[in-house]
PDB file of N, CA and C in Angstrom:
ATOM      1  N   MET A   1     131.808 146.025 160.896  1.00  0.00           N
ATOM      2  CA  MET A   1     131.065 145.279 159.899  1.00  0.00           C
ATOM      3  C   MET A   1     131.515 143.816 159.971  1.00  0.00           C
ATOM      4  N   GLY A   2     130.572 142.909 159.913  1.00  0.00           N
ATOM      5  CA  GLY A   2     130.863 141.489 160.021  1.00  0.00           C
ATOM      6  C   GLY A   2     131.261 140.868 158.695  1.00  0.00           C
ATOM      7  N   GLN A   3     131.625 139.616 158.793  1.00  0.00           N
ATOM      8  CA  GLN A   3     132.027 138.857 157.610  1.00  0.00           C
ATOM      9  C   GLN A   3     130.848 138.032 157.098  1.00  0.00           C
ATOM     10  N   THR A   4     130.895 137.763 155.820  1.00  0.00           N
ATOM     11  CA  THR A   4     129.937 136.817 155.267  1.00  0.00           C
ATOM     12  C   THR A   4     130.446 135.406 155.552  1.00  0.00           C
ATOM     13  N   ASP A   5     129.593 134.434 155.394  1.00  0.00           N
ATOM     14  CA  ASP A   5     130.007 133.041 155.570  1.00  0.00           C
ATOM     15  C   ASP A   5     131.152 132.691 154.635  1.00  0.00           C
ATOM     16  N   SER A   6     131.085 133.163 153.402  1.00  0.00           N
ATOM     17  CA  SER A   6     132.135 132.868 152.427  1.00  0.00           C
ATOM     18  C   SER A   6     133.469 133.473 152.842  1.00  0.00           C
ATOM     19  N   GLN A   7     133.451 134.685 153.359  1.00  0.00           N
ATOM     20  CA  GLN A   7     134.677 135.328 153.805  1.00  0.00           C
ATOM     21  C   GLN A   7     135.273 134.579 154.999  1.00  0.00           C
ATOM     22  N   PHE A   8     134.419 134.170 155.925  1.00  0.00           N
ATOM     23  CA  PHE A   8     134.895 133.435 157.089  1.00  0.00           C
ATOM     24  C   PHE A   8     135.496 132.099 156.678  1.00  0.00           C
ATOM     25  N   LYS A   9     134.845 131.398 155.757  1.00  0.00           N
ATOM     26  CA  LYS A   9     135.370 130.118 155.278  1.00  0.00           C
ATOM     27  C   LYS A   9     136.714 130.297 154.582  1.00  0.00           C
ATOM     28  N   ALA A  10     136.872 131.380 153.833  1.00  0.00           N
ATOM     29  CA  ALA A  10     138.148 131.656 153.171  1.00  0.00           C
ATOM     30  C   ALA A  10     139.236 131.893 154.215  1.00  0.00           C
ATOM     31  N   PHE A  11     138.914 132.624 155.264  1.00  0.00           N
ATOM     32  CA  PHE A  11     139.869 132.863 156.340  1.00  0.00           C
ATOM     33  C   PHE A  11     140.287 131.542 156.989  1.00  0.00           C
ATOM     34  N   ILE A  12     139.330 130.691 157.258  1.00  0.00           N
ATOM     35  CA  ILE A  12     139.615 129.388 157.870  1.00  0.00           C
ATOM     36  C   ILE A  12     140.491 128.549 156.942  1.00  0.00           C
ATOM     37  N   ARG A  13     140.265 128.605 155.634  1.00  0.00           N
ATOM     38  CA  ARG A  13     141.098 127.868 154.673  1.00  0.00           C
ATOM     39  C   ARG A  13     142.545 128.345 154.739  1.00  0.00           C
ATOM     40  N   PHE A  14     142.752 129.668 154.841  1.00  0.00           N
ATOM     41  CA  PHE A  14     144.113 130.205 154.959  1.00  0.00           C
ATOM     42  C   PHE A  14     144.792 129.703 156.230  1.00  0.00           C
ATOM     43  N   VAL A  15     144.070 129.729 157.341  1.00  0.00           N
ATOM     44  CA  VAL A  15     144.635 129.266 158.611  1.00  0.00           C
ATOM     45  C   VAL A  15     144.941 127.775 158.544  1.00  0.00           C
ATOM     46  N   LEU A  16     144.021 126.998 158.016  1.00  0.00           N
ATOM     47  CA  LEU A  16     144.217 125.553 157.910  1.00  0.00           C
ATOM     48  C   LEU A  16     145.418 125.228 157.029  1.00  0.00           C
ATOM     49  N   ASP A  17     145.558 125.930 155.920  1.00  0.00           N
ATOM     50  CA  ASP A  17     146.696 125.715 155.027  1.00  0.00           C
ATOM     51  C   ASP A  17     148.015 126.035 155.742  1.00  0.00           C
ATOM     52  N   ALA A  18     148.038 127.129 156.478  1.00  0.00           N
ATOM     53  CA  ALA A  18     149.248 127.509 157.210  1.00  0.00           C
ATOM     54  C   ALA A  18     149.594 126.469 158.275  1.00  0.00           C
ATOM     55  N   LEU A  19     148.590 125.973 158.979  1.00  0.00           N
ATOM     56  CA  LEU A  19     148.839 124.959 160.012  1.00  0.00           C
ATOM     57  C   LEU A  19     149.302 123.640 159.412  1.00  0.00           C
ATOM     58  N   ARG A  20     148.761 123.285 158.277  1.00  0.00           N
ATOM     59  CA  ARG A  20     149.216 122.058 157.602  1.00  0.00           C
ATOM     60  C   ARG A  20     150.676 122.185 157.177  1.00  0.00           C
ATOM     61  N   GLU A  21     151.043 123.372 156.704  1.00  0.00           N
ATOM     62  CA  GLU A  21     152.424 123.609 156.307  1.00  0.00           C
ATOM     63  C   GLU A  21     153.355 123.470 157.511  1.00  0.00           C
ATOM     64  N   VAL A  22     152.951 124.002 158.645  1.00  0.00           N
ATOM     65  CA  VAL A  22     153.752 123.872 159.866  1.00  0.00           C
ATOM     66  C   VAL A  22     153.844 122.405 160.260  1.00  0.00           C
ATOM     67  N   ASN A  23     152.759 121.696 160.173  1.00  0.00           N
ATOM     68  CA  ASN A  23     152.720 120.281 160.554  1.00  0.00           C
ATOM     69  C   ASN A  23     153.670 119.438 159.709  1.00  0.00           C
ATOM     70  N   GLU A  24     153.878 119.819 158.464  1.00  0.00           N
ATOM     71  CA  GLU A  24     154.751 119.070 157.558  1.00  0.00           C
ATOM     72  C   GLU A  24     156.229 119.416 157.727  1.00  0.00           C
ATOM     73  N   GLU A  25     156.508 120.515 158.407  1.00  0.00           N
ATOM     74  CA  GLU A  25     157.894 120.958 158.585  1.00  0.00           C
ATOM     75  C   GLU A  25     158.637 120.010 159.529  1.00  0.00           C
ATOM     76  N   THR A  26     159.784 119.529 159.087  1.00  0.00           N
ATOM     77  CA  THR A  26     160.562 118.592 159.909  1.00  0.00           C
ATOM     78  C   THR A  26     161.629 119.285 160.745  1.00  0.00           C
ATOM     79  N   ASP A  27     162.076 120.442 160.305  1.00  0.00           N
ATOM     80  CA  ASP A  27     163.087 121.198 161.039  1.00  0.00           C
ATOM     81  C   ASP A  27     162.401 121.933 162.201  1.00  0.00           C
ATOM     82  N   THR A  28     162.824 121.621 163.424  1.00  0.00           N
ATOM     83  CA  THR A  28     162.183 122.173 164.618  1.00  0.00           C
ATOM     84  C   THR A  28     162.231 123.696 164.658  1.00  0.00           C
ATOM     85  N   GLU A  29     163.359 124.272 164.326  1.00  0.00           N
ATOM     86  CA  GLU A  29     163.479 125.727 164.369  1.00  0.00           C
ATOM     87  C   GLU A  29     162.561 126.390 163.345  1.00  0.00           C
ATOM     88  N   LYS A  30     162.515 125.837 162.136  1.00  0.00           N
ATOM     89  CA  LYS A  30     161.636 126.391 161.103  1.00  0.00           C
ATOM     90  C   LYS A  30     160.178 126.230 161.508  1.00  0.00           C
ATOM     91  N   ARG A  31     159.838 125.063 162.071  1.00  0.00           N
ATOM     92  CA  ARG A  31     158.460 124.814 162.496  1.00  0.00           C
ATOM     93  C   ARG A  31     158.054 125.817 163.574  1.00  0.00           C
ATOM     94  N   ASP A  32     158.932 126.022 164.542  1.00  0.00           N
ATOM     95  CA  ASP A  32     158.633 126.977 165.617  1.00  0.00           C
ATOM     96  C   ASP A  32     158.473 128.396 165.083  1.00  0.00           C
ATOM     97  N   ALA A  33     159.317 128.776 164.135  1.00  0.00           N
ATOM     98  CA  ALA A  33     159.233 130.119 163.550  1.00  0.00           C
ATOM     99  C   ALA A  33     157.936 130.294 162.770  1.00  0.00           C
ATOM    100  N   LYS A  34     157.554 129.279 162.007  1.00  0.00           N
ATOM    101  CA  LYS A  34     156.312 129.360 161.244  1.00  0.00           C
ATOM    102  C   LYS A  34     155.106 129.441 162.168  1.00  0.00           C
ATOM    103  N   MET A  35     155.130 128.647 163.248  1.00  0.00           N
ATOM    104  CA  MET A  35     154.014 128.666 164.198  1.00  0.00           C
ATOM    105  C   MET A  35     153.930 130.021 164.885  1.00  0.00           C
ATOM    106  N   ALA A  36     155.068 130.593 165.241  1.00  0.00           N
ATOM    107  CA  ALA A  36     155.086 131.914 165.872  1.00  0.00           C
ATOM    108  C   ALA A  36     154.488 132.962 164.932  1.00  0.00           C
ATOM    109  N   LYS A  37     154.792 132.846 163.652  1.00  0.00           N
ATOM    110  CA  LYS A  37     154.254 133.792 162.669  1.00  0.00           C
ATOM    111  C   LYS A  37     152.736 133.661 162.556  1.00  0.00           C
ATOM    112  N   ILE A  38     152.247 132.428 162.531  1.00  0.00           N
ATOM    113  CA  ILE A  38     150.798 132.206 162.469  1.00  0.00           C
ATOM    114  C   ILE A  38     150.125 132.805 163.694  1.00  0.00           C
ATOM    115  N   LEU A  39     150.675 132.525 164.865  1.00  0.00           N
ATOM    116  CA  LEU A  39     150.096 133.045 166.100  1.00  0.00           C
ATOM    117  C   LEU A  39     150.111 134.570 166.122  1.00  0.00           C
ATOM    118  N   ASP A  40     151.196 135.167 165.662  1.00  0.00           N
ATOM    119  CA  ASP A  40     151.295 136.625 165.607  1.00  0.00           C
ATOM    120  C   ASP A  40     150.252 137.202 164.659  1.00  0.00           C
ATOM    121  N   ASN A  41     150.104 136.592 163.504  1.00  0.00           N
ATOM    122  CA  ASN A  41     149.117 137.060 162.530  1.00  0.00           C
ATOM    123  C   ASN A  41     147.686 136.946 163.069  1.00  0.00           C
ATOM    124  N   LEU A  42     147.394 135.852 163.757  1.00  0.00           N
ATOM    125  CA  LEU A  42     146.060 135.695 164.353  1.00  0.00           C
ATOM    126  C   LEU A  42     145.815 136.739 165.424  1.00  0.00           C
ATOM    127  N   GLN A  43     146.829 137.011 166.246  1.00  0.00           N
ATOM    128  CA  GLN A  43     146.691 138.031 167.289  1.00  0.00           C
ATOM    129  C   GLN A  43     146.436 139.400 166.672  1.00  0.00           C
ATOM    130  N   LYS A  44     147.186 139.728 165.617  1.00  0.00           N
ATOM    131  CA  LYS A  44     146.990 141.015 164.937  1.00  0.00           C
ATOM    132  C   LYS A  44     145.591 141.117 164.348  1.00  0.00           C
ATOM    133  N   THR A  45     145.093 140.007 163.817  1.00  0.00           N
ATOM    134  CA  THR A  45     143.744 139.987 163.252  1.00  0.00           C
ATOM    135  C   THR A  45     142.713 140.305 164.318  1.00  0.00           C
ATOM    136  N   LEU A  46     142.892 139.765 165.519  1.00  0.00           N
ATOM    137  CA  LEU A  46     141.973 140.035 166.615  1.00  0.00           C
ATOM    138  C   LEU A  46     142.013 141.497 167.041  1.00  0.00           C
ATOM    139  N   GLU A  47     143.183 142.112 166.939  1.00  0.00           N
ATOM    140  CA  GLU A  47     143.350 143.491 167.399  1.00  0.00           C
ATOM    141  C   GLU A  47     142.885 144.517 166.379  1.00  0.00           C
ATOM    142  N   ASP A  48     142.715 144.109 165.134  1.00  0.00           N
ATOM    143  CA  ASP A  48     142.272 145.064 164.092  1.00  0.00           C
ATOM    144  C   ASP A  48     140.813 145.431 164.256  1.00  0.00           C
TER     145      ASP A  48
END
């Protein structure tokens, strides 16, 4: 079953918020860990 436009936009807002948070992180290790988590979550979403 597909997503509605509203559901897709909400998903994009979550991803954008997470990426902005990573972008603001000044500690390299924390930034890398946060980015790895985002990438892992996106991969899991594709596999579901």
